[in-house]
C-alpha atoms as a PDB file:
ATOM      1  CA  MET A   1       4.228  -9.541   5.795  1.00  0.00           C
ATOM      2  CA  ALA A   2       3.390  -9.381   9.485  1.00  0.00           C
ATOM      3  CA  THR A   3       3.640  -5.583   9.484  1.00  0.00           C
ATOM      4  CA  ALA A   4       1.391  -5.279   6.454  1.00  0.00           C
ATOM      5  CA  ASN A   5      -1.234  -7.575   7.964  1.00  0.00           C
ATOM      6  CA  ALA A   6      -1.460  -5.386  11.057  1.00  0.00           C
ATOM      7  CA  ARG A   7      -1.522  -2.077   9.198  1.00  0.00           C
ATOM      8  CA  ILE A   8      -3.358  -2.717   5.919  1.00  0.00           C
ATOM      9  CA  THR A   9      -7.077  -3.343   5.697  1.00  0.00           C
ATOM     10  CA  ALA A  10      -9.728  -3.472   2.985  1.00  0.00           C
ATOM     11  CA  SER A  11     -13.474  -3.025   3.259  1.00  0.00           C
ATOM     12  CA  HIS A  12     -16.023  -2.316   0.565  1.00  0.00           C
ATOM     13  CA  GLU A  13     -17.264   0.514   2.798  1.00  0.00           C
ATOM     14  CA  ILE A  14     -13.940   2.379   2.659  1.00  0.00           C
ATOM     15  CA  MET A  15     -12.458   3.540  -0.649  1.00  0.00           C
ATOM     16  CA  LEU A  16     -14.510   0.925  -2.549  1.00  0.00           C
ATOM     17  CA  GLY A  17     -12.540  -1.924  -1.001  1.00  0.00           C
ATOM     18  CA  LYS A  18      -9.075  -0.773  -1.994  1.00  0.00           C
ATOM     19  CA  PRO A  19      -6.380  -1.648   0.546  1.00  0.00           C
ATOM     20  CA  VAL A  20      -5.834   1.265   2.927  1.00  0.00           C
ATOM     21  CA  ILE A  21      -3.722   2.063   5.942  1.00  0.00           C
ATOM     22  CA  ARG A  22      -5.834   0.955   8.909  1.00  0.00           C
ATOM     23  CA  GLY A  23      -7.759   3.833  10.466  1.00  0.00           C
ATOM     24  CA  THR A  24      -7.296   6.101   7.432  1.00  0.00           C
ATOM     25  CA  ARG A  25      -8.598   6.546   3.917  1.00  0.00           C
ATOM     26  CA  LEU A  26      -5.045   6.537   2.515  1.00  0.00           C
ATOM     27  CA  THR A  27      -4.761   3.796  -0.071  1.00  0.00           C
ATOM     28  CA  VAL A  28      -1.724   1.635  -0.614  1.00  0.00           C
ATOM     29  CA  GLU A  29      -1.984   2.703  -4.249  1.00  0.00           C
ATOM     30  CA  LEU A  30      -1.683   6.398  -3.326  1.00  0.00           C
ATOM     31  CA  LEU A  31       1.398   5.809  -1.202  1.00  0.00           C
ATOM     32  CA  LEU A  32       3.053   3.714  -3.905  1.00  0.00           C
ATOM     33  CA  ARG A  33       2.233   6.316  -6.538  1.00  0.00           C
ATOM     34  CA  LYS A  34       3.767   9.088  -4.423  1.00  0.00           C
ATOM     35  CA  LEU A  35       6.897   6.996  -3.838  1.00  0.00           C
ATOM     36  CA  ALA A  36       7.129   6.261  -7.582  1.00  0.00           C
ATOM     37  CA  GLU A  37       6.912  10.002  -8.252  1.00  0.00           C
ATOM     38  CA  GLY A  38       9.965  10.534  -6.052  1.00  0.00           C
ATOM     39  CA  ALA A  39       8.492  11.226  -2.625  1.00  0.00           C
ATOM     40  CA  THR A  40      10.440   9.901   0.328  1.00  0.00           C
ATOM     41  CA  THR A  41       9.036   8.355   3.475  1.00  0.00           C
ATOM     42  CA  ALA A  42       9.809  11.653   5.218  1.00  0.00           C
ATOM     43  CA  ASP A  43       7.812  13.503   2.546  1.00  0.00           C
ATOM     44  CA  LEU A  44       4.834  11.197   3.061  1.00  0.00           C
ATOM     45  CA  LEU A  45       4.989  11.619   6.832  1.00  0.00           C
ATOM     46  CA  ALA A  46       4.978  15.402   6.380  1.00  0.00           C
ATOM     47  CA  MET A  47       2.079  15.287   3.878  1.00  0.00           C
ATOM     48  CA  TYR A  48      -0.008  12.870   5.934  1.00  0.00           C
ATOM     49  CA  PRO A  49       0.644  13.397   9.667  1.00  0.00           C
ATOM     50  CA  GLN A  50      -1.530  10.415  10.598  1.00  0.00           C
ATOM     51  CA  LEU A  51       0.986   8.084   8.912  1.00  0.00           C
ATOM     52  CA  GLU A  52       3.870   6.348  10.607  1.00  0.00           C
ATOM     53  CA  ALA A  53       7.015   5.150   8.874  1.00  0.00           C
ATOM     54  CA  ALA A  54       5.872   1.577   9.538  1.00  0.00           C
ATOM     55  CA  ASP A  55       2.722   2.289   7.484  1.00  0.00           C
ATOM     56  CA  VAL A  56       4.823   3.158   4.438  1.00  0.00           C
ATOM     57  CA  GLN A  57       6.894   0.008   4.950  1.00  0.00           C
ATOM     58  CA  ALA A  58       3.687  -2.023   5.272  1.00  0.00           C
ATOM     59  CA  ALA A  59       2.418  -0.610   1.968  1.00  0.00           C
ATOM     60  CA  LEU A  60       5.624  -1.722   0.249  1.00  0.00           C
ATOM     61  CA  GLU A  61       5.432  -5.170   1.851  1.00  0.00           C
ATOM     62  CA  TYR A  62       1.794  -5.500   0.828  1.00  0.00           C
ATOM     63  CA  ALA A  63       2.528  -4.575  -2.786  1.00  0.00           C
ATOM     64  CA  ALA A  64       5.449  -7.008  -2.954  1.00  0.00           C
ATOM     65  CA  ALA A  65       3.301  -9.803  -1.530  1.00  0.00           C
ATOM     66  CA  MET A  66       0.534  -9.134  -4.056  1.00  0.00           C
ATOM     67  CA  LEU A  67       2.995  -9.184  -6.950  1.00  0.00           C
ATOM     68  CA  ALA A  68       4.520 -12.411  -5.677  1.00  0.00           C
ATOM     69  CA  LYS A  69       1.080 -14.045  -5.954  1.00  0.00           C
ATOM     70  CA  GLU A  70       0.477 -12.766  -9.480  1.00  0.00           C
ATOM     71  CA  GLU A  71       0.326 -15.422 -12.168  1.00  0.00           C
ATOM     72  CA  ILE A  72       1.118 -14.678 -15.779  1.00  0.00           C
ATOM     73  CA  ILE A  73      -0.479 -16.993 -18.236  1.00  0.00           C
ATOM     74  CA  GLY A  74       1.208 -17.020 -21.613  1.00  0.00           C
ATOM     75  CA  PHE A  75      -0.030 -18.424 -24.858  1.00  0.00           C
ATOM     76  CA  ALA A  76       2.261 -20.209 -27.269  1.00  0.00           C
ATOM     77  CA  ALA A  77       2.275 -18.614 -30.681  1.00  0.00           C
END
């Protein structure tokens, strides 16, 4: 997650603390949503010229790392 650490930041002053691409107001959530809707990295780079391909990769790495930390607590029936 070295790329994500360098490119993703979160501050309560920007987008209410949601993780964003450093130096932008583009949230990781927005990029993931666009990718889930079928956008490609090339599409995102065209839509948001301030992005770099490494930013999109960092968003994916960040999301994977957050899911890896997620704990699911089940209750026995």
